[in-house]
Amino acid sequence: MSRLSERRDFATEICKQAGVMAKKFFADRVNLVVDQKGAQDWVSEADRSVETFIRQKISEAWPKDGIYGEEHGAVAGESGFDWVIDPIDGTTNFVNGIPAWTIVLAGVTNGQTEIGVIHDPNVDETFVATRGETATLNGSPIRVASGVPLRDGTVAVGYSNRIESRHVLPVIEDLIEHGAMFHRNASGALSLAYVAAGRLLGYVEEHMNAWDCLAGQLLVAEAGGVVEDQNADAMIRDGGRVIAGTPDVFETLREIAENAWSAQRLSKRDPT
């Protein structure tokens, strides 16, 4: 077994264990300590505890690897391999009792995401991808939808407090004009996994953090979808836009997104 395969299997198992831990917090939300980081941006003791658990397991198994997570500081590594953690993607759902949240773990080396795991403990679904291999759901290969036009499908649209709402509305309007349905479940990682599994046609968000998107982008790519080419290290450092979709709709989605985002940027620079 290669080192990459070992890391993939390790990541899959750790995400499942973290999911068990998170579900215990989810079942006892009445006693959950929750803080607000910003507008519609929450963090709970579950997020912090789950990330600490994953970090500890990585440090024990791969002590020379780097670690980046949403809730705790970065740990520089020596091996050239970095782990990127979102302990609970969809915390807003989590704290409000909505079972649409997931555990996310990605592995990065040389600016490329090599491993992506998204585990949804609410329905016991584990999405796994390794670069150059088939993406899987609970061990079975998955593919993006094929031959489905926008007018017959659904596209997820992400939103966070890092962007202005006026940048999102034109995207939704354009999707509707194309006859598509739009979807928002407050978990970008889970939405990207759904694109990989053929449930959604695409995903669009103007700015995402690396822990929210790297694993899902790899899943989409390995499931036969199209994802904008990005440097994973740059995403870890700065975050960035995410456009992913089936080969049938990707170019249209990119056009829709660029039209909306560039128009809003121009408008902001020159309101006249």
C-alpha atoms as a PDB file:
ATOM      1  CA  MET A   1       0.000   0.000   0.000  1.00  0.00           C
ATOM      2  CA  SER A   2       1.345   3.440  -0.915  1.00  0.00           C
ATOM      3  CA  ARG A   3       1.771   6.222   1.614  1.00  0.00           C
ATOM      4  CA  LEU A   4      -1.037   8.133  -0.103  1.00  0.00           C
ATOM      5  CA  SER A   5      -3.366   5.143   0.207  1.00  0.00           C
ATOM      6  CA  GLU A   6      -2.425   4.820   3.867  1.00  0.00           C
ATOM      7  CA  ARG A   7      -3.241   8.465   4.445  1.00  0.00           C
ATOM      8  CA  ARG A   8      -6.542   8.124   2.566  1.00  0.00           C
ATOM      9  CA  ASP A   9      -7.630   5.145   4.652  1.00  0.00           C
ATOM     10  CA  PHE A  10      -6.496   6.923   7.805  1.00  0.00           C
ATOM     11  CA  ALA A  11      -8.460  10.057   6.864  1.00  0.00           C
ATOM     12  CA  THR A  12     -11.583   8.041   6.124  1.00  0.00           C
ATOM     13  CA  GLU A  13     -11.485   6.254   9.464  1.00  0.00           C
ATOM     14  CA  ILE A  14     -10.715   9.401  11.465  1.00  0.00           C
ATOM     15  CA  CYS A  15     -13.621  11.268   9.848  1.00  0.00           C
ATOM     16  CA  LYS A  16     -15.959   8.448  10.817  1.00  0.00           C
ATOM     17  CA  GLN A  17     -14.703   8.512  14.395  1.00  0.00           C
ATOM     18  CA  ALA A  18     -15.050  12.289  14.478  1.00  0.00           C
ATOM     19  CA  GLY A  19     -18.593  11.905  13.173  1.00  0.00           C
ATOM     20  CA  VAL A  20     -19.521   9.694  16.125  1.00  0.00           C
ATOM     21  CA  MET A  21     -18.109  12.311  18.464  1.00  0.00           C
ATOM     22  CA  ALA A  22     -19.948  15.165  16.724  1.00  0.00           C
ATOM     23  CA  LYS A  23     -23.271  13.309  16.793  1.00  0.00           C
ATOM     24  CA  LYS A  24     -23.072  13.088  20.590  1.00  0.00           C
ATOM     25  CA  PHE A  25     -22.779  16.872  20.760  1.00  0.00           C
ATOM     26  CA  PHE A  26     -25.600  17.190  18.211  1.00  0.00           C
ATOM     27  CA  ALA A  27     -27.900  15.031  20.321  1.00  0.00           C
ATOM     28  CA  ASP A  28     -27.193  17.203  23.374  1.00  0.00           C
ATOM     29  CA  ARG A  29     -27.503  20.649  21.794  1.00  0.00           C
ATOM     30  CA  VAL A  30     -29.400  22.042  24.771  1.00  0.00           C
ATOM     31  CA  ASN A  31     -26.107  22.018  26.674  1.00  0.00           C
ATOM     32  CA  LEU A  32     -23.932  23.080  23.740  1.00  0.00           C
ATOM     33  CA  VAL A  33     -21.772  26.183  24.234  1.00  0.00           C
ATOM     34  CA  VAL A  34     -21.975  28.335  21.108  1.00  0.00           C
ATOM     35  CA  ASP A  35     -20.103  31.540  20.237  1.00  0.00           C
ATOM     36  CA  GLN A  36     -20.647  33.947  17.346  1.00  0.00           C
ATOM     37  CA  LYS A  37     -17.600  34.847  15.220  1.00  0.00           C
ATOM     38  CA  GLY A  38     -19.544  37.141  12.885  1.00  0.00           C
ATOM     39  CA  ALA A  39     -22.850  37.564  11.073  1.00  0.00           C
ATOM     40  CA  GLN A  40     -24.291  34.065  10.571  1.00  0.00           C
ATOM     41  CA  ASP A  41     -20.872  32.676  11.531  1.00  0.00           C
ATOM     42  CA  TRP A  42     -20.968  30.370  14.537  1.00  0.00           C
ATOM     43  CA  VAL A  43     -18.536  28.149  16.383  1.00  0.00           C
ATOM     44  CA  SER A  44     -19.431  25.650  19.071  1.00  0.00           C
ATOM     45  CA  GLU A  45     -17.536  23.568  21.582  1.00  0.00           C
ATOM     46  CA  ALA A  46     -18.318  20.677  19.237  1.00  0.00           C
ATOM     47  CA  ASP A  47     -16.310  22.312  16.423  1.00  0.00           C
ATOM     48  CA  ARG A  48     -13.338  22.908  18.704  1.00  0.00           C
ATOM     49  CA  SER A  49     -13.452  19.473  20.333  1.00  0.00           C
ATOM     50  CA  VAL A  50     -13.794  17.587  17.065  1.00  0.00           C
ATOM     51  CA  GLU A  51     -10.935  19.507  15.475  1.00  0.00           C
ATOM     52  CA  THR A  52      -8.742  18.873  18.514  1.00  0.00           C
ATOM     53  CA  PHE A  53      -9.515  15.150  18.233  1.00  0.00           C
ATOM     54  CA  ILE A  54      -8.600  15.045  14.529  1.00  0.00           C
ATOM     55  CA  ARG A  55      -5.421  17.041  15.109  1.00  0.00           C
ATOM     56  CA  GLN A  56      -4.339  14.674  17.859  1.00  0.00           C
ATOM     57  CA  LYS A  57      -4.889  11.617  15.666  1.00  0.00           C
ATOM     58  CA  ILE A  58      -2.924  13.195  12.797  1.00  0.00           C
ATOM     59  CA  SER A  59      -0.064  14.132  15.122  1.00  0.00           C
ATOM     60  CA  GLU A  60       0.106  10.572  16.429  1.00  0.00           C
ATOM     61  CA  ALA A  61      -0.034   8.886  13.023  1.00  0.00           C
ATOM     62  CA  TRP A  62       1.831  11.422  10.886  1.00  0.00           C
ATOM     63  CA  PRO A  63       3.893  13.586  13.257  1.00  0.00           C
ATOM     64  CA  LYS A  64       5.845  15.343  10.492  1.00  0.00           C
ATOM     65  CA  ASP A  65       2.752  16.460   8.534  1.00  0.00           C
ATOM     66  CA  GLY A  66       1.431  20.017   8.651  1.00  0.00           C
ATOM     67  CA  ILE A  67      -2.067  20.795   9.935  1.00  0.00           C
ATOM     68  CA  TYR A  68      -4.440  23.628   9.014  1.00  0.00           C
ATOM     69  CA  GLY A  69      -7.886  23.893  10.561  1.00  0.00           C
ATOM     70  CA  GLU A  70     -10.775  26.288  10.853  1.00  0.00           C
ATOM     71  CA  GLU A  71     -10.789  26.610  14.632  1.00  0.00           C
ATOM     72  CA  HIS A  72      -7.158  26.304  15.757  1.00  0.00           C
ATOM     73  CA  GLY A  73      -3.793  27.647  14.625  1.00  0.00           C
ATOM     74  CA  ALA A  74      -1.649  26.225  11.839  1.00  0.00           C
ATOM     75  CA  VAL A  75       1.042  23.642  12.563  1.00  0.00           C
ATOM     76  CA  ALA A  76       3.972  23.698  10.163  1.00  0.00           C
ATOM     77  CA  GLY A  77       5.113  20.301   8.937  1.00  0.00           C
ATOM     78  CA  GLU A  78       8.355  18.817   7.670  1.00  0.00           C
ATOM     79  CA  SER A  79       7.076  16.096   5.342  1.00  0.00           C
ATOM     80  CA  GLY A  80       5.629  18.334   2.617  1.00  0.00           C
ATOM     81  CA  PHE A  81       2.172  16.889   3.249  1.00  0.00           C
ATOM     82  CA  ASP A  82      -0.489  19.071   4.912  1.00  0.00           C
ATOM     83  CA  TRP A  83      -3.900  18.241   6.356  1.00  0.00           C
ATOM     84  CA  VAL A  84      -6.780  20.719   6.090  1.00  0.00           C
ATOM     85  CA  ILE A  85      -9.640  20.251   8.551  1.00  0.00           C
ATOM     86  CA  ASP A  86     -13.195  21.499   8.813  1.00  0.00           C
ATOM     87  CA  PRO A  87     -14.430  19.735  11.951  1.00  0.00           C
ATOM     88  CA  ILE A  88     -18.073  20.586  11.276  1.00  0.00           C
ATOM     89  CA  ASP A  89     -18.978  22.204   7.981  1.00  0.00           C
ATOM     90  CA  GLY A  90     -22.472  23.585   8.407  1.00  0.00           C
ATOM     91  CA  THR A  91     -22.235  24.787  12.007  1.00  0.00           C
ATOM     92  CA  THR A  92     -25.288  27.021  11.568  1.00  0.00           C
ATOM     93  CA  ASN A  93     -27.287  23.912  10.722  1.00  0.00           C
ATOM     94  CA  PHE A  94     -25.644  21.997  13.571  1.00  0.00           C
ATOM     95  CA  VAL A  95     -26.522  24.497  16.308  1.00  0.00           C
ATOM     96  CA  ASN A  96     -30.094  24.816  15.012  1.00  0.00           C
ATOM     97  CA  GLY A  97     -30.756  21.086  14.902  1.00  0.00           C
ATOM     98  CA  ILE A  98     -30.734  20.732  11.120  1.00  0.00           C
ATOM     99  CA  PRO A  99     -29.040  17.446  10.079  1.00  0.00           C
ATOM    100  CA  ALA A 100     -27.081  18.919   7.174  1.00  0.00           C
ATOM    101  CA  TRP A 101     -23.488  19.147   8.370  1.00  0.00           C
ATOM    102  CA  THR A 102     -20.388  17.130   7.733  1.00  0.00           C
ATOM    103  CA  ILE A 103     -16.816  16.313   8.758  1.00  0.00           C
ATOM    104  CA  VAL A 104     -14.226  17.382   6.157  1.00  0.00           C
ATOM    105  CA  LEU A 105     -10.579  16.424   5.784  1.00  0.00           C
ATOM    106  CA  ALA A 106      -8.275  17.112   2.850  1.00  0.00           C
ATOM    107  CA  GLY A 107      -4.644  16.197   2.225  1.00  0.00           C
ATOM    108  CA  VAL A 108      -2.427  18.554   0.224  1.00  0.00           C
ATOM    109  CA  THR A 109       1.098  18.333  -1.195  1.00  0.00           C
ATOM    110  CA  ASN A 110       2.947  20.466  -3.751  1.00  0.00           C
ATOM    111  CA  GLY A 111      -0.023  22.791  -4.171  1.00  0.00           C
ATOM    112  CA  GLN A 112      -2.431  19.992  -5.096  1.00  0.00           C
ATOM    113  CA  THR A 113      -5.175  18.316  -3.115  1.00  0.00           C
ATOM    114  CA  GLU A 114      -4.370  14.608  -3.104  1.00  0.00           C
ATOM    115  CA  ILE A 115      -6.988  13.287  -0.680  1.00  0.00           C
ATOM    116  CA  GLY A 116     -10.521  14.434   0.084  1.00  0.00           C
ATOM    117  CA  VAL A 117     -12.932  12.940   2.615  1.00  0.00           C
ATOM    118  CA  ILE A 118     -16.398  14.275   3.415  1.00  0.00           C
ATOM    119  CA  HIS A 119     -18.302  12.265   5.996  1.00  0.00           C
ATOM    120  CA  ASP A 120     -21.977  12.902   6.735  1.00  0.00           C
ATOM    121  CA  PRO A 121     -22.746  11.021   9.962  1.00  0.00           C
ATOM    122  CA  ASN A 122     -26.433  11.952   9.836  1.00  0.00           C
ATOM    123  CA  VAL A 123     -27.083   9.570   6.944  1.00  0.00           C
ATOM    124  CA  ASP A 124     -23.885   7.502   7.207  1.00  0.00           C
ATOM    125  CA  GLU A 125     -22.461   8.635   3.875  1.00  0.00           C
ATOM    126  CA  THR A 126     -18.711   8.884   3.343  1.00  0.00           C
ATOM    127  CA  PHE A 127     -17.395  10.487   0.160  1.00  0.00           C
ATOM    128  CA  VAL A 128     -13.735   9.745  -0.604  1.00  0.00           C
ATOM    129  CA  ALA A 129     -11.427  10.825  -3.411  1.00  0.00           C
ATOM    130  CA  THR A 130      -7.755  10.267  -4.158  1.00  0.00           C
ATOM    131  CA  ARG A 131      -6.128  12.177  -7.012  1.00  0.00           C
ATOM    132  CA  GLY A 132      -6.020  10.036 -10.138  1.00  0.00           C
ATOM    133  CA  GLU A 133      -8.525   7.508  -8.815  1.00  0.00           C
ATOM    134  CA  THR A 134     -12.305   7.151  -8.875  1.00  0.00           C
ATOM    135  CA  ALA A 135     -14.332   9.070  -6.304  1.00  0.00           C
ATOM    136  CA  THR A 136     -16.480   6.855  -4.093  1.00  0.00           C
ATOM    137  CA  LEU A 137     -19.514   6.975  -1.827  1.00  0.00           C
ATOM    138  CA  ASN A 138     -19.434   4.304   0.868  1.00  0.00           C
ATOM    139  CA  GLY A 139     -16.918   2.425  -1.241  1.00  0.00           C
ATOM    140  CA  SER A 140     -18.862   2.480  -4.523  1.00  0.00           C
ATOM    141  CA  PRO A 141     -17.747   4.636  -7.488  1.00  0.00           C
ATOM    142  CA  ILE A 142     -19.708   7.823  -8.173  1.00  0.00           C
ATOM    143  CA  ARG A 143     -19.955  10.061 -11.230  1.00  0.00           C
ATOM    144  CA  VAL A 144     -21.320  13.511 -11.874  1.00  0.00           C
ATOM    145  CA  ALA A 145     -24.595  13.778 -13.778  1.00  0.00           C
ATOM    146  CA  SER A 146     -24.350  13.346 -17.535  1.00  0.00           C
ATOM    147  CA  GLY A 147     -26.492  14.819 -20.275  1.00  0.00           C
ATOM    148  CA  VAL A 148     -28.573  16.955 -17.894  1.00  0.00           C
ATOM    149  CA  PRO A 149     -28.979  20.611 -18.980  1.00  0.00           C
ATOM    150  CA  LEU A 150     -29.353  23.448 -16.524  1.00  0.00           C
ATOM    151  CA  ARG A 151     -33.075  23.670 -17.197  1.00  0.00           C
ATOM    152  CA  ASP A 152     -33.525  20.141 -15.869  1.00  0.00           C
ATOM    153  CA  GLY A 153     -31.296  20.307 -12.797  1.00  0.00           C
ATOM    154  CA  THR A 154     -30.285  22.102  -9.628  1.00  0.00           C
ATOM    155  CA  VAL A 155     -27.224  24.204  -8.820  1.00  0.00           C
ATOM    156  CA  ALA A 156     -26.068  25.027  -5.300  1.00  0.00           C
ATOM    157  CA  VAL A 157     -25.133  28.632  -4.554  1.00  0.00           C
ATOM    158  CA  GLY A 158     -22.957  29.392  -1.546  1.00  0.00           C
ATOM    159  CA  TYR A 159     -22.996  32.545   0.529  1.00  0.00           C
ATOM    160  CA  SER A 160     -21.078  33.795   3.552  1.00  0.00           C
ATOM    161  CA  ASN A 161     -20.390  37.037   5.362  1.00  0.00           C
ATOM    162  CA  ARG A 162     -17.117  37.363   3.429  1.00  0.00           C
ATOM    163  CA  ILE A 163     -18.976  38.724   0.418  1.00  0.00           C
ATOM    164  CA  GLU A 164     -21.806  41.172  -0.202  1.00  0.00           C
ATOM    165  CA  SER A 165     -25.308  39.849  -0.758  1.00  0.00           C
ATOM    166  CA  ARG A 166     -25.612  41.868  -3.959  1.00  0.00           C
ATOM    167  CA  HIS A 167     -22.956  39.598  -5.485  1.00  0.00           C
ATOM    168  CA  VAL A 168     -25.142  36.531  -4.927  1.00  0.00           C
ATOM    169  CA  LEU A 169     -28.530  37.707  -6.131  1.00  0.00           C
ATOM    170  CA  PRO A 170     -27.547  38.099  -9.835  1.00  0.00           C
ATOM    171  CA  VAL A 171     -26.234  34.512  -9.839  1.00  0.00           C
ATOM    172  CA  ILE A 172     -29.546  33.185  -8.543  1.00  0.00           C
ATOM    173  CA  GLU A 173     -31.509  35.349 -10.974  1.00  0.00           C
ATOM    174  CA  ASP A 174     -29.467  34.127 -13.938  1.00  0.00           C
ATOM    175  CA  LEU A 175     -29.832  30.494 -12.894  1.00  0.00           C
ATOM    176  CA  ILE A 176     -33.596  30.921 -12.733  1.00  0.00           C
ATOM    177  CA  GLU A 177     -33.598  32.543 -16.161  1.00  0.00           C
ATOM    178  CA  HIS A 178     -31.771  29.475 -17.461  1.00  0.00           C
ATOM    179  CA  GLY A 179     -34.576  27.336 -16.010  1.00  0.00           C
ATOM    180  CA  ALA A 180     -32.464  25.833 -13.226  1.00  0.00           C
ATOM    181  CA  MET A 181     -33.424  25.357  -9.625  1.00  0.00           C
ATOM    182  CA  PHE A 182     -31.054  26.759  -6.996  1.00  0.00           C
ATOM    183  CA  HIS A 183     -30.104  25.099  -3.738  1.00  0.00           C
ATOM    184  CA  ARG A 184     -28.532  26.285  -0.483  1.00  0.00           C
ATOM    185  CA  ASN A 185     -27.996  23.941   2.442  1.00  0.00           C
ATOM    186  CA  ALA A 186     -25.392  25.972   4.416  1.00  0.00           C
ATOM    187  CA  SER A 187     -22.701  23.331   3.916  1.00  0.00           C
ATOM    188  CA  GLY A 188     -20.531  23.983   0.891  1.00  0.00           C
ATOM    189  CA  ALA A 189     -18.581  20.765   1.385  1.00  0.00           C
ATOM    190  CA  LEU A 190     -21.740  18.661   1.383  1.00  0.00           C
ATOM    191  CA  SER A 191     -23.036  20.466  -1.696  1.00  0.00           C
ATOM    192  CA  LEU A 192     -19.804  19.743  -3.567  1.00  0.00           C
ATOM    193  CA  ALA A 193     -20.075  16.090  -2.554  1.00  0.00           C
ATOM    194  CA  TYR A 194     -23.602  16.093  -3.977  1.00  0.00           C
ATOM    195  CA  VAL A 195     -22.261  17.416  -7.279  1.00  0.00           C
ATOM    196  CA  ALA A 196     -19.768  14.535  -7.350  1.00  0.00           C
ATOM    197  CA  ALA A 197     -22.569  12.063  -6.640  1.00  0.00           C
ATOM    198  CA  GLY A 198     -24.754  13.386  -9.462  1.00  0.00           C
ATOM    199  CA  ARG A 199     -27.383  14.917  -7.173  1.00  0.00           C
ATOM    200  CA  LEU A 200     -26.584  18.527  -8.107  1.00  0.00           C
ATOM    201  CA  LEU A 201     -25.283  19.868 -11.411  1.00  0.00           C
ATOM    202  CA  GLY A 202     -22.874  22.362  -9.922  1.00  0.00           C
ATOM    203  CA  TYR A 203     -21.748  24.622  -7.129  1.00  0.00           C
ATOM    204  CA  VAL A 204     -20.862  28.333  -7.194  1.00  0.00           C
ATOM    205  CA  GLU A 205     -19.490  30.536  -4.415  1.00  0.00           C
ATOM    206  CA  GLU A 206     -17.506  33.752  -4.690  1.00  0.00           C
ATOM    207  CA  HIS A 207     -15.237  33.039  -1.732  1.00  0.00           C
ATOM    208  CA  MET A 208     -14.599  29.869   0.252  1.00  0.00           C
ATOM    209  CA  ASN A 209     -11.951  28.899   2.754  1.00  0.00           C
ATOM    210  CA  ALA A 210      -9.749  25.930   1.936  1.00  0.00           C
ATOM    211  CA  TRP A 211     -11.186  23.679   4.644  1.00  0.00           C
ATOM    212  CA  ASP A 212     -14.658  24.113   3.166  1.00  0.00           C
ATOM    213  CA  CYS A 213     -13.826  23.296  -0.440  1.00  0.00           C
ATOM    214  CA  LEU A 214     -10.576  21.423  -1.160  1.00  0.00           C
ATOM    215  CA  ALA A 215     -11.958  17.956  -0.417  1.00  0.00           C
ATOM    216  CA  GLY A 216     -15.163  18.614  -2.357  1.00  0.00           C
ATOM    217  CA  GLN A 217     -13.353  20.043  -5.373  1.00  0.00           C
ATOM    218  CA  LEU A 218     -11.221  16.898  -5.602  1.00  0.00           C
ATOM    219  CA  LEU A 219     -14.325  14.736  -5.328  1.00  0.00           C
ATOM    220  CA  VAL A 220     -15.983  16.568  -8.217  1.00  0.00           C
ATOM    221  CA  ALA A 221     -12.860  16.340 -10.384  1.00  0.00           C
ATOM    222  CA  GLU A 222     -12.347  12.630  -9.731  1.00  0.00           C
ATOM    223  CA  ALA A 223     -16.046  11.965 -10.378  1.00  0.00           C
ATOM    224  CA  GLY A 224     -15.708  13.377 -13.897  1.00  0.00           C
ATOM    225  CA  GLY A 225     -16.708  16.951 -13.200  1.00  0.00           C
ATOM    226  CA  VAL A 226     -14.932  20.212 -13.991  1.00  0.00           C
ATOM    227  CA  VAL A 227     -13.344  22.434 -11.345  1.00  0.00           C
ATOM    228  CA  GLU A 228     -11.410  25.645 -11.814  1.00  0.00           C
ATOM    229  CA  ASP A 229      -7.679  24.995 -11.605  1.00  0.00           C
ATOM    230  CA  GLN A 230      -6.393  26.471  -8.342  1.00  0.00           C
ATOM    231  CA  ASN A 231      -3.292  26.169  -6.214  1.00  0.00           C
ATOM    232  CA  ALA A 232      -4.246  24.466  -2.969  1.00  0.00           C
ATOM    233  CA  ASP A 233      -1.540  26.268  -0.992  1.00  0.00           C
ATOM    234  CA  ALA A 234      -2.899  29.617  -2.186  1.00  0.00           C
ATOM    235  CA  MET A 235      -6.391  28.534  -1.161  1.00  0.00           C
ATOM    236  CA  ILE A 236      -5.107  27.615   2.303  1.00  0.00           C
ATOM    237  CA  ARG A 237      -3.492  31.035   2.583  1.00  0.00           C
ATOM    238  CA  ASP A 238      -6.178  33.277   1.093  1.00  0.00           C
ATOM    239  CA  GLY A 239      -9.260  31.280   0.127  1.00  0.00           C
ATOM    240  CA  GLY A 240     -10.889  32.009  -3.214  1.00  0.00           C
ATOM    241  CA  ARG A 241     -13.816  31.511  -5.526  1.00  0.00           C
ATOM    242  CA  VAL A 242     -15.211  28.082  -6.308  1.00  0.00           C
ATOM    243  CA  ILE A 243     -16.995  27.071  -9.495  1.00  0.00           C
ATOM    244  CA  ALA A 244     -17.571  23.370 -10.080  1.00  0.00           C
ATOM    245  CA  GLY A 245     -19.979  21.477 -12.272  1.00  0.00           C
ATOM    246  CA  THR A 246     -20.642  18.768 -14.767  1.00  0.00           C
ATOM    247  CA  PRO A 247     -18.968  19.042 -18.184  1.00  0.00           C
ATOM    248  CA  ASP A 248     -22.393  19.917 -19.622  1.00  0.00           C
ATOM    249  CA  VAL A 249     -22.924  23.036 -17.490  1.00  0.00           C
ATOM    250  CA  PHE A 250     -19.533  24.191 -16.191  1.00  0.00           C
ATOM    251  CA  GLU A 251     -18.828  26.857 -18.821  1.00  0.00           C
ATOM    252  CA  THR A 252     -22.314  28.302 -18.420  1.00  0.00           C
ATOM    253  CA  LEU A 253     -21.904  28.389 -14.648  1.00  0.00           C
ATOM    254  CA  ARG A 254     -18.571  30.159 -14.985  1.00  0.00           C
ATOM    255  CA  GLU A 255     -20.111  32.709 -17.338  1.00  0.00           C
ATOM    256  CA  ILE A 256     -23.012  33.296 -14.959  1.00  0.00           C
ATOM    257  CA  ALA A 257     -20.677  33.740 -12.001  1.00  0.00           C
ATOM    258  CA  GLU A 258     -18.181  35.980 -13.776  1.00  0.00           C
ATOM    259  CA  ASN A 259     -20.931  38.176 -15.193  1.00  0.00           C
ATOM    260  CA  ALA A 260     -22.377  38.668 -11.707  1.00  0.00           C
ATOM    261  CA  TRP A 261     -19.137  39.147  -9.825  1.00  0.00           C
ATOM    262  CA  SER A 262     -17.316  41.332 -12.351  1.00  0.00           C
ATOM    263  CA  ALA A 263     -20.391  43.544 -12.830  1.00  0.00           C
ATOM    264  CA  GLN A 264     -20.674  44.070  -9.095  1.00  0.00           C
ATOM    265  CA  ARG A 265     -16.977  44.889  -8.757  1.00  0.00           C
ATOM    266  CA  LEU A 266     -17.227  47.451 -11.551  1.00  0.00           C
ATOM    267  CA  SER A 267     -20.333  48.911  -9.972  1.00  0.00           C
ATOM    268  CA  LYS A 268     -18.535  49.236  -6.646  1.00  0.00           C
ATOM    269  CA  ARG A 269     -15.595  51.080  -8.231  1.00  0.00           C
ATOM    270  CA  ASP A 270     -17.747  53.412 -10.300  1.00  0.00           C
ATOM    271  CA  PRO A 271     -21.261  53.804  -8.873  1.00  0.00           C
ATOM    272  CA  THR A 272     -22.156  56.229 -11.655  1.00  0.00           C
END
